[in-house]
PDB file of N, CA and C in Angstrom:
ATOM      1  N   MET A   1      98.441  71.514 105.493  1.00  0.00           N
ATOM      2  CA  MET A   1      98.941  72.280 106.596  1.00  0.00           C
ATOM      3  C   MET A   1      99.659  73.519 106.051  1.00  0.00           C
ATOM      4  N   ALA A   2      99.423  74.661 106.669  1.00  0.00           N
ATOM      5  CA  ALA A   2     100.027  75.916 106.227  1.00  0.00           C
ATOM      6  C   ALA A   2     101.479  75.998 106.694  1.00  0.00           C
ATOM      7  N   ALA A   3     102.280  76.628 105.878  1.00  0.00           N
ATOM      8  CA  ALA A   3     103.687  76.832 106.247  1.00  0.00           C
ATOM      9  C   ALA A   3     103.755  77.833 107.398  1.00  0.00           C
ATOM     10  N   PRO A   4     104.708  77.668 108.302  1.00  0.00           N
ATOM     11  CA  PRO A   4     104.830  78.621 109.408  1.00  0.00           C
ATOM     12  C   PRO A   4     105.186  80.009 108.884  1.00  0.00           C
ATOM     13  N   LYS A   5     104.679  81.033 109.559  1.00  0.00           N
ATOM     14  CA  LYS A   5     104.971  82.405 109.159  1.00  0.00           C
ATOM     15  C   LYS A   5     106.400  82.751 109.562  1.00  0.00           C
ATOM     16  N   ASP A   6     107.099  83.413 108.668  1.00  0.00           N
ATOM     17  CA  ASP A   6     108.462  83.852 108.931  1.00  0.00           C
ATOM     18  C   ASP A   6     108.407  85.192 109.648  1.00  0.00           C
ATOM     19  N   PRO A   7     108.826  85.274 110.907  1.00  0.00           N
ATOM     20  CA  PRO A   7     108.761  86.532 111.641  1.00  0.00           C
ATOM     21  C   PRO A   7     109.706  87.592 111.085  1.00  0.00           C
ATOM     22  N   ASN A   8     110.677  87.182 110.276  1.00  0.00           N
ATOM     23  CA  ASN A   8     111.631  88.119 109.700  1.00  0.00           C
ATOM     24  C   ASN A   8     111.214  88.612 108.321  1.00  0.00           C
ATOM     25  N   LEU A   9     110.089  88.118 107.800  1.00  0.00           N
ATOM     26  CA  LEU A   9     109.595  88.526 106.491  1.00  0.00           C
ATOM     27  C   LEU A   9     109.191  89.997 106.561  1.00  0.00           C
ATOM     28  N   ARG A  10     109.771  90.804 105.705  1.00  0.00           N
ATOM     29  CA  ARG A  10     109.507  92.246 105.718  1.00  0.00           C
ATOM     30  C   ARG A  10     108.089  92.533 105.264  1.00  0.00           C
ATOM     31  N   GLN A  11     107.462  93.504 105.905  1.00  0.00           N
ATOM     32  CA  GLN A  11     106.116  93.934 105.563  1.00  0.00           C
ATOM     33  C   GLN A  11     106.132  95.432 105.314  1.00  0.00           C
ATOM     34  N   ALA A  12     105.206  95.901 104.476  1.00  0.00           N
ATOM     35  CA  ALA A  12     105.109  97.331 104.204  1.00  0.00           C
ATOM     36  C   ALA A  12     103.664  97.698 103.915  1.00  0.00           C
ATOM     37  N   VAL A  13     103.318  98.910 104.315  1.00  0.00           N
ATOM     38  CA  VAL A  13     101.997  99.467 104.058  1.00  0.00           C
ATOM     39  C   VAL A  13     102.190 100.903 103.583  1.00  0.00           C
ATOM     40  N   ALA A  14     101.477 101.283 102.537  1.00  0.00           N
ATOM     41  CA  ALA A  14     101.521 102.654 102.046  1.00  0.00           C
ATOM     42  C   ALA A  14     100.164 103.300 102.294  1.00  0.00           C
ATOM     43  N   LEU A  15     100.219 104.519 102.817  1.00  0.00           N
ATOM     44  CA  LEU A  15      99.002 105.279 103.080  1.00  0.00           C
ATOM     45  C   LEU A  15      98.956 106.487 102.155  1.00  0.00           C
ATOM     46  N   ALA A  16      97.748 106.917 101.840  1.00  0.00           N
ATOM     47  CA  ALA A  16      97.551 108.151 101.082  1.00  0.00           C
ATOM     48  C   ALA A  16      96.394 108.901 101.717  1.00  0.00           C
ATOM     49  N   TYR A  17      96.536 110.215 101.731  1.00  0.00           N
ATOM     50  CA  TYR A  17      95.467 111.042 102.287  1.00  0.00           C
ATOM     51  C   TYR A  17      95.141 112.132 101.291  1.00  0.00           C
ATOM     52  N   ALA A  18      93.871 112.265 100.978  1.00  0.00           N
ATOM     53  CA  ALA A  18      93.411 113.320 100.072  1.00  0.00           C
ATOM     54  C   ALA A  18      92.582 114.317 100.866  1.00  0.00           C
ATOM     55  N   ALA A  19      92.821 115.586 100.620  1.00  0.00           N
ATOM     56  CA  ALA A  19      92.050 116.625 101.302  1.00  0.00           C
ATOM     57  C   ALA A  19      90.561 116.373 101.083  1.00  0.00           C
ATOM     58  N   GLY A  20      89.812 116.568 102.136  1.00  0.00           N
ATOM     59  CA  GLY A  20      88.375 116.380 102.046  1.00  0.00           C
ATOM     60  C   GLY A  20      87.896 114.982 102.395  1.00  0.00           C
ATOM     61  N   THR A  21      88.840 114.056 102.579  1.00  0.00           N
ATOM     62  CA  THR A  21      88.448 112.712 102.999  1.00  0.00           C
ATOM     63  C   THR A  21      88.553 112.623 104.513  1.00  0.00           C
ATOM     64  N   GLN A  22      87.873 111.656 105.060  1.00  0.00           N
ATOM     65  CA  GLN A  22      87.818 111.526 106.518  1.00  0.00           C
ATOM     66  C   GLN A  22      89.139 111.038 107.111  1.00  0.00           C
ATOM     67  N   ALA A  23      89.801 110.116 106.432  1.00  0.00           N
ATOM     68  CA  ALA A  23      91.015 109.515 106.993  1.00  0.00           C
ATOM     69  C   ALA A  23      91.911 109.003 105.865  1.00  0.00           C
ATOM     70  N   PRO A  24      93.194 108.779 106.167  1.00  0.00           N
ATOM     71  CA  PRO A  24      94.078 108.175 105.172  1.00  0.00           C
ATOM     72  C   PRO A  24      93.593 106.775 104.779  1.00  0.00           C
ATOM     73  N   LYS A  25      93.928 106.387 103.543  1.00  0.00           N
ATOM     74  CA  LYS A  25      93.570 105.057 103.039  1.00  0.00           C
ATOM     75  C   LYS A  25      94.828 104.220 102.870  1.00  0.00           C
ATOM     76  N   VAL A  26      94.656 102.924 103.012  1.00  0.00           N
ATOM     77  CA  VAL A  26      95.727 101.987 102.687  1.00  0.00           C
ATOM     78  C   VAL A  26      95.693 101.806 101.172  1.00  0.00           C
ATOM     79  N   VAL A  27      96.764 102.227 100.500  1.00  0.00           N
ATOM     80  CA  VAL A  27      96.804 102.148  99.038  1.00  0.00           C
ATOM     81  C   VAL A  27      97.705 101.031  98.533  1.00  0.00           C
ATOM     82  N   ALA A  28      98.505 100.463  99.430  1.00  0.00           N
ATOM     83  CA  ALA A  28      99.349  99.324  99.066  1.00  0.00           C
ATOM     84  C   ALA A  28      99.773  98.618 100.350  1.00  0.00           C
ATOM     85  N   SER A  29      99.866  97.309 100.274  1.00  0.00           N
ATOM     86  CA  SER A  29     100.382  96.544 101.404  1.00  0.00           C
ATOM     87  C   SER A  29     100.888  95.209 100.894  1.00  0.00           C
ATOM     88  N   GLY A  30     101.865  94.684 101.582  1.00  0.00           N
ATOM     89  CA  GLY A  30     102.381  93.394 101.168  1.00  0.00           C
ATOM     90  C   GLY A  30     103.513  92.921 102.053  1.00  0.00           C
ATOM     91  N   LYS A  31     103.922  91.700 101.784  1.00  0.00           N
ATOM     92  CA  LYS A  31     105.008  91.055 102.523  1.00  0.00           C
ATOM     93  C   LYS A  31     106.078  90.601 101.542  1.00  0.00           C
ATOM     94  N   GLY A  32     107.285  90.428 102.057  1.00  0.00           N
ATOM     95  CA  GLY A  32     108.368  89.881 101.246  1.00  0.00           C
ATOM     96  C   GLY A  32     108.712  90.758 100.056  1.00  0.00           C
ATOM     97  N   LEU A  33     108.686  90.172  98.855  1.00  0.00           N
ATOM     98  CA  LEU A  33     109.065  90.897  97.640  1.00  0.00           C
ATOM     99  C   LEU A  33     108.143  92.071  97.357  1.00  0.00           C
ATOM    100  N   ILE A  34     106.863  91.917  97.662  1.00  0.00           N
ATOM    101  CA  ILE A  34     105.924  93.024  97.451  1.00  0.00           C
ATOM    102  C   ILE A  34     106.271  94.174  98.385  1.00  0.00           C
ATOM    103  N   ALA A  35     106.576  93.867  99.632  1.00  0.00           N
ATOM    104  CA  ALA A  35     106.977  94.902 100.588  1.00  0.00           C
ATOM    105  C   ALA A  35     108.235  95.618 100.101  1.00  0.00           C
ATOM    106  N   GLU A  36     109.185  94.864  99.607  1.00  0.00           N
ATOM    107  CA  GLU A  36     110.420  95.461  99.099  1.00  0.00           C
ATOM    108  C   GLU A  36     110.125  96.416  97.949  1.00  0.00           C
ATOM    109  N   GLN A  37     109.203  96.047  97.063  1.00  0.00           N
ATOM    110  CA  GLN A  37     108.841  96.912  95.936  1.00  0.00           C
ATOM    111  C   GLN A  37     108.133  98.184  96.410  1.00  0.00           C
ATOM    112  N   ILE A  38     107.262  98.063  97.408  1.00  0.00           N
ATOM    113  CA  ILE A  38     106.579  99.243  97.966  1.00  0.00           C
ATOM    114  C   ILE A  38     107.612 100.210  98.525  1.00  0.00           C
ATOM    115  N   ILE A  39     108.565  99.694  99.289  1.00  0.00           N
ATOM    116  CA  ILE A  39     109.601 100.523  99.903  1.00  0.00           C
ATOM    117  C   ILE A  39     110.494 101.151  98.830  1.00  0.00           C
ATOM    118  N   LYS A  40     110.883 100.359  97.847  1.00  0.00           N
ATOM    119  CA  LYS A  40     111.739 100.866  96.772  1.00  0.00           C
ATOM    120  C   LYS A  40     111.048 101.985  96.003  1.00  0.00           C
ATOM    121  N   LEU A  41     109.787 101.796  95.669  1.00  0.00           N
ATOM    122  CA  LEU A  41     109.033 102.812  94.936  1.00  0.00           C
ATOM    123  C   LEU A  41     108.907 104.100  95.755  1.00  0.00           C
ATOM    124  N   ALA A  42     108.666 103.959  97.045  1.00  0.00           N
ATOM    125  CA  ALA A  42     108.580 105.142  97.917  1.00  0.00           C
ATOM    126  C   ALA A  42     109.911 105.886  97.924  1.00  0.00           C
ATOM    127  N   GLN A  43     110.996 105.166  98.097  1.00  0.00           N
ATOM    128  CA  GLN A  43     112.310 105.794  98.151  1.00  0.00           C
ATOM    129  C   GLN A  43     112.668 106.460  96.824  1.00  0.00           C
ATOM    130  N   GLU A  44     112.337 105.811  95.711  1.00  0.00           N
ATOM    131  CA  GLU A  44     112.610 106.397  94.396  1.00  0.00           C
ATOM    132  C   GLU A  44     111.842 107.698  94.187  1.00  0.00           C
ATOM    133  N   ASN A  45     110.706 107.826  94.845  1.00  0.00           N
ATOM    134  CA  ASN A  45     109.884 109.025  94.722  1.00  0.00           C
ATOM    135  C   ASN A  45     110.062 109.976  95.899  1.00  0.00           C
ATOM    136  N   GLU A  46     111.135 109.750  96.655  1.00  0.00           N
ATOM    137  CA  GLU A  46     111.503 110.590  97.797  1.00  0.00           C
ATOM    138  C   GLU A  46     110.382 110.708  98.819  1.00  0.00           C
ATOM    139  N   ILE A  47     109.684 109.607  99.033  1.00  0.00           N
ATOM    140  CA  ILE A  47     108.650 109.532 100.061  1.00  0.00           C
ATOM    141  C   ILE A  47     109.290 108.886 101.280  1.00  0.00           C
ATOM    142  N   TYR A  48     109.120 109.539 102.421  1.00  0.00           N
ATOM    143  CA  TYR A  48     109.733 109.047 103.646  1.00  0.00           C
ATOM    144  C   TYR A  48     109.176 107.673 104.007  1.00  0.00           C
ATOM    145  N   VAL A  49     110.053 106.777 104.391  1.00  0.00           N
ATOM    146  CA  VAL A  49     109.663 105.432 104.812  1.00  0.00           C
ATOM    147  C   VAL A  49     109.890 105.333 106.317  1.00  0.00           C
ATOM    148  N   HIS A  50     108.809 105.253 107.057  1.00  0.00           N
ATOM    149  CA  HIS A  50     108.875 105.127 108.512  1.00  0.00           C
ATOM    150  C   HIS A  50     108.874 103.639 108.850  1.00  0.00           C
ATOM    151  N   GLN A  51     109.795 103.230 109.697  1.00  0.00           N
ATOM    152  CA  GLN A  51     109.898 101.819 110.037  1.00  0.00           C
ATOM    153  C   GLN A  51     109.423 101.582 111.466  1.00  0.00           C
ATOM    154  N   SER A  52     108.244 101.009 111.565  1.00  0.00           N
ATOM    155  CA  SER A  52     107.671 100.657 112.856  1.00  0.00           C
ATOM    156  C   SER A  52     106.907  99.351 112.677  1.00  0.00           C
ATOM    157  N   LYS A  53     107.487  98.272 113.177  1.00  0.00           N
ATOM    158  CA  LYS A  53     106.840  96.965 113.024  1.00  0.00           C
ATOM    159  C   LYS A  53     105.453  96.950 113.645  1.00  0.00           C
ATOM    160  N   GLU A  54     105.307  97.656 114.765  1.00  0.00           N
ATOM    161  CA  GLU A  54     104.008  97.676 115.453  1.00  0.00           C
ATOM    162  C   GLU A  54     102.956  98.377 114.610  1.00  0.00           C
ATOM    163  N   MET A  55     103.315  99.536 114.035  1.00  0.00           N
ATOM    164  CA  MET A  55     102.371 100.290 113.198  1.00  0.00           C
ATOM    165  C   MET A  55     102.018  99.496 111.949  1.00  0.00           C
ATOM    166  N   VAL A  56     103.014  98.904 111.325  1.00  0.00           N
ATOM    167  CA  VAL A  56     102.760  98.105 110.120  1.00  0.00           C
ATOM    168  C   VAL A  56     101.850  96.923 110.442  1.00  0.00           C
ATOM    169  N   ALA A  57     102.082  96.274 111.567  1.00  0.00           N
ATOM    170  CA  ALA A  57     101.237  95.133 111.946  1.00  0.00           C
ATOM    171  C   ALA A  57      99.780  95.561 112.075  1.00  0.00           C
ATOM    172  N   LEU A  58      99.542  96.724 112.652  1.00  0.00           N
ATOM    173  CA  LEU A  58      98.169  97.215 112.780  1.00  0.00           C
ATOM    174  C   LEU A  58      97.575  97.587 111.424  1.00  0.00           C
ATOM    175  N   LEU A  59      98.377  98.265 110.594  1.00  0.00           N
ATOM    176  CA  LEU A  59      97.881  98.702 109.288  1.00  0.00           C
ATOM    177  C   LEU A  59      97.699  97.549 108.301  1.00  0.00           C
ATOM    178  N   MET A  60      98.443  96.455 108.492  1.00  0.00           N
ATOM    179  CA  MET A  60      98.283  95.285 107.617  1.00  0.00           C
ATOM    180  C   MET A  60      96.895  94.661 107.769  1.00  0.00           C
ATOM    181  N   GLN A  61      96.224  94.965 108.856  1.00  0.00           N
ATOM    182  CA  GLN A  61      94.885  94.423 109.090  1.00  0.00           C
ATOM    183  C   GLN A  61      93.799  95.191 108.332  1.00  0.00           C
ATOM    184  N   VAL A  62      94.155  96.369 107.807  1.00  0.00           N
ATOM    185  CA  VAL A  62      93.201  97.191 107.070  1.00  0.00           C
ATOM    186  C   VAL A  62      93.190  96.734 105.608  1.00  0.00           C
ATOM    187  N   GLU A  63      92.001  96.533 105.064  1.00  0.00           N
ATOM    188  CA  GLU A  63      91.876  96.096 103.677  1.00  0.00           C
ATOM    189  C   GLU A  63      92.367  97.178 102.725  1.00  0.00           C
ATOM    190  N   LEU A  64      92.863  96.747 101.580  1.00  0.00           N
ATOM    191  CA  LEU A  64      93.344  97.644 100.544  1.00  0.00           C
ATOM    192  C   LEU A  64      92.223  98.588 100.112  1.00  0.00           C
ATOM    193  N   ASP A  65      92.557  99.852  99.926  1.00  0.00           N
ATOM    194  CA  ASP A  65      91.638 100.908  99.490  1.00  0.00           C
ATOM    195  C   ASP A  65      90.585 101.251 100.538  1.00  0.00           C
ATOM    196  N   ARG A  66      90.857 100.932 101.791  1.00  0.00           N
ATOM    197  CA  ARG A  66      89.963 101.280 102.903  1.00  0.00           C
ATOM    198  C   ARG A  66      90.622 102.333 103.775  1.00  0.00           C
ATOM    199  N   GLU A  67      89.802 103.192 104.358  1.00  0.00           N
ATOM    200  CA  GLU A  67      90.326 104.174 105.296  1.00  0.00           C
ATOM    201  C   GLU A  67      90.781 103.473 106.570  1.00  0.00           C
ATOM    202  N   ILE A  68      91.775 104.067 107.205  1.00  0.00           N
ATOM    203  CA  ILE A  68      92.228 103.495 108.475  1.00  0.00           C
ATOM    204  C   ILE A  68      91.090 103.609 109.488  1.00  0.00           C
ATOM    205  N   PRO A  69      90.995 102.690 110.421  1.00  0.00           N
ATOM    206  CA  PRO A  69      89.917 102.739 111.422  1.00  0.00           C
ATOM    207  C   PRO A  69      90.165 103.845 112.452  1.00  0.00           C
ATOM    208  N   PRO A  70      89.089 104.322 113.074  1.00  0.00           N
ATOM    209  CA  PRO A  70      89.218 105.400 114.064  1.00  0.00           C
ATOM    210  C   PRO A  70      90.217 105.123 115.188  1.00  0.00           C
ATOM    211  N   ASN A  71      90.394 103.869 115.580  1.00  0.00           N
ATOM    212  CA  ASN A  71      91.332 103.578 116.671  1.00  0.00           C
ATOM    213  C   ASN A  71      92.787 103.828 116.269  1.00  0.00           C
ATOM    214  N   LEU A  72      93.059 104.039 114.976  1.00  0.00           N
ATOM    215  CA  LEU A  72      94.428 104.347 114.525  1.00  0.00           C
ATOM    216  C   LEU A  72      94.611 105.817 114.174  1.00  0.00           C
ATOM    217  N   TYR A  73      93.543 106.626 114.265  1.00  0.00           N
ATOM    218  CA  TYR A  73      93.635 108.042 113.891  1.00  0.00           C
ATOM    219  C   TYR A  73      94.753 108.752 114.635  1.00  0.00           C
ATOM    220  N   LYS A  74      94.793 108.605 115.944  1.00  0.00           N
ATOM    221  CA  LYS A  74      95.770 109.355 116.744  1.00  0.00           C
ATOM    222  C   LYS A  74      97.197 108.960 116.377  1.00  0.00           C
ATOM    223  N   ALA A  75      97.468 107.678 116.289  1.00  0.00           N
ATOM    224  CA  ALA A  75      98.825 107.219 115.977  1.00  0.00           C
ATOM    225  C   ALA A  75      99.263 107.704 114.599  1.00  0.00           C
ATOM    226  N   VAL A  76      98.376 107.605 113.617  1.00  0.00           N
ATOM    227  CA  VAL A  76      98.725 108.036 112.259  1.00  0.00           C
ATOM    228  C   VAL A  76      98.835 109.555 112.208  1.00  0.00           C
ATOM    229  N   ALA A  77      97.959 110.267 112.906  1.00  0.00           N
ATOM    230  CA  ALA A  77      98.037 111.733 112.927  1.00  0.00           C
ATOM    231  C   ALA A  77      99.356 112.197 113.527  1.00  0.00           C
ATOM    232  N   GLU A  78      99.802 111.549 114.602  1.00  0.00           N
ATOM    233  CA  GLU A  78     101.085 111.910 115.211  1.00  0.00           C
ATOM    234  C   GLU A  78     102.232 111.649 114.244  1.00  0.00           C
ATOM    235  N   LEU A  79     102.168 110.551 113.527  1.00  0.00           N
ATOM    236  CA  LEU A  79     103.201 110.225 112.545  1.00  0.00           C
ATOM    237  C   LEU A  79     103.205 111.262 111.422  1.00  0.00           C
ATOM    238  N   LEU A  80     102.026 111.612 110.914  1.00  0.00           N
ATOM    239  CA  LEU A  80     101.944 112.593 109.828  1.00  0.00           C
ATOM    240  C   LEU A  80     102.425 113.974 110.288  1.00  0.00           C
ATOM    241  N   ALA A  81     102.101 114.354 111.515  1.00  0.00           N
ATOM    242  CA  ALA A  81     102.562 115.638 112.051  1.00  0.00           C
ATOM    243  C   ALA A  81     104.087 115.645 112.159  1.00  0.00           C
ATOM    244  N   TRP A  82     104.653 114.542 112.607  1.00  0.00           N
ATOM    245  CA  TRP A  82     106.104 114.410 112.710  1.00  0.00           C
ATOM    246  C   TRP A  82     106.747 114.522 111.324  1.00  0.00           C
ATOM    247  N   LEU A  83     106.174 113.851 110.327  1.00  0.00           N
ATOM    248  CA  LEU A  83     106.707 113.913 108.965  1.00  0.00           C
ATOM    249  C   LEU A  83     106.610 115.326 108.399  1.00  0.00           C
ATOM    250  N   TYR A  84     105.516 116.009 108.712  1.00  0.00           N
ATOM    251  CA  TYR A  84     105.352 117.384 108.255  1.00  0.00           C
ATOM    252  C   TYR A  84     106.471 118.261 108.816  1.00  0.00           C
ATOM    253  N   GLN A  85     106.804 118.071 110.082  1.00  0.00           N
ATOM    254  CA  GLN A  85     107.873 118.844 110.703  1.00  0.00           C
ATOM    255  C   GLN A  85     109.218 118.554 110.041  1.00  0.00           C
ATOM    256  N   ILE A  86     109.460 117.296 109.703  1.00  0.00           N
ATOM    257  CA  ILE A  86     110.704 116.923 109.015  1.00  0.00           C
ATOM    258  C   ILE A  86     110.769 117.601 107.648  1.00  0.00           C
ATOM    259  N   GLU A  87     109.665 117.528 106.889  1.00  0.00           N
ATOM    260  CA  GLU A  87     109.639 118.139 105.560  1.00  0.00           C
ATOM    261  C   GLU A  87     109.831 119.649 105.635  1.00  0.00           C
ATOM    262  N   LYS A  88     109.239 120.271 106.644  1.00  0.00           N
ATOM    263  CA  LYS A  88     109.344 121.721 106.804  1.00  0.00           C
ATOM    264  C   LYS A  88     110.777 122.130 107.140  1.00  0.00           C
ATOM    265  N   ALA A  89     111.488 121.281 107.873  1.00  0.00           N
ATOM    266  CA  ALA A  89     112.851 121.591 108.283  1.00  0.00           C
ATOM    267  C   ALA A  89     113.891 121.220 107.227  1.00  0.00           C
ATOM    268  N   THR A  90     113.508 120.440 106.235  1.00  0.00           N
ATOM    269  CA  THR A  90     114.435 119.993 105.203  1.00  0.00           C
ATOM    270  C   THR A  90     114.499 121.013 104.086  1.00  0.00           C
ATOM    271  N   PRO A  91     115.699 121.493 103.747  1.00  0.00           N
ATOM    272  CA  PRO A  91     115.801 122.463 102.640  1.00  0.00           C
ATOM    273  C   PRO A  91     115.354 121.837 101.321  1.00  0.00           C
ATOM    274  N   PRO A  92     114.700 122.613 100.467  1.00  0.00           N
ATOM    275  CA  PRO A  92     114.250 122.068  99.184  1.00  0.00           C
ATOM    276  C   PRO A  92     115.435 121.712  98.298  1.00  0.00           C
ATOM    277  N   LYS A  93     115.250 120.695  97.472  1.00  0.00           N
ATOM    278  CA  LYS A  93     116.292 120.291  96.515  1.00  0.00           C
ATOM    279  C   LYS A  93     116.216 121.193  95.299  1.00  0.00           C
ATOM    280  N   LEU A  94     117.356 121.531  94.789  1.00  0.00           N
ATOM    281  CA  LEU A  94     117.405 122.401  93.608  1.00  0.00           C
ATOM    282  C   LEU A  94     117.554 121.611  92.345  1.00  0.00           C
TER     283      LEU A  94
END
């Protein structure tokens, strides 16, 4: 019998987008300690960490190294546009 899933177990998904590709890819995903490491690595590299349990739940269904499915294009595009605006408004570090 499988152990019950812990609803409080932290999850994380990392996306990457390369110019010329059709859609962002899932480059890392995990739960618990792996999720913590993904988040820590992002923060150490000054990559914004967006916290949305709903978005993560959807992205956790995408296999590693696969492009996000078309039904997630709009949600991810809106998130990326929002992040772009934040980066544009943030003064560069010296």
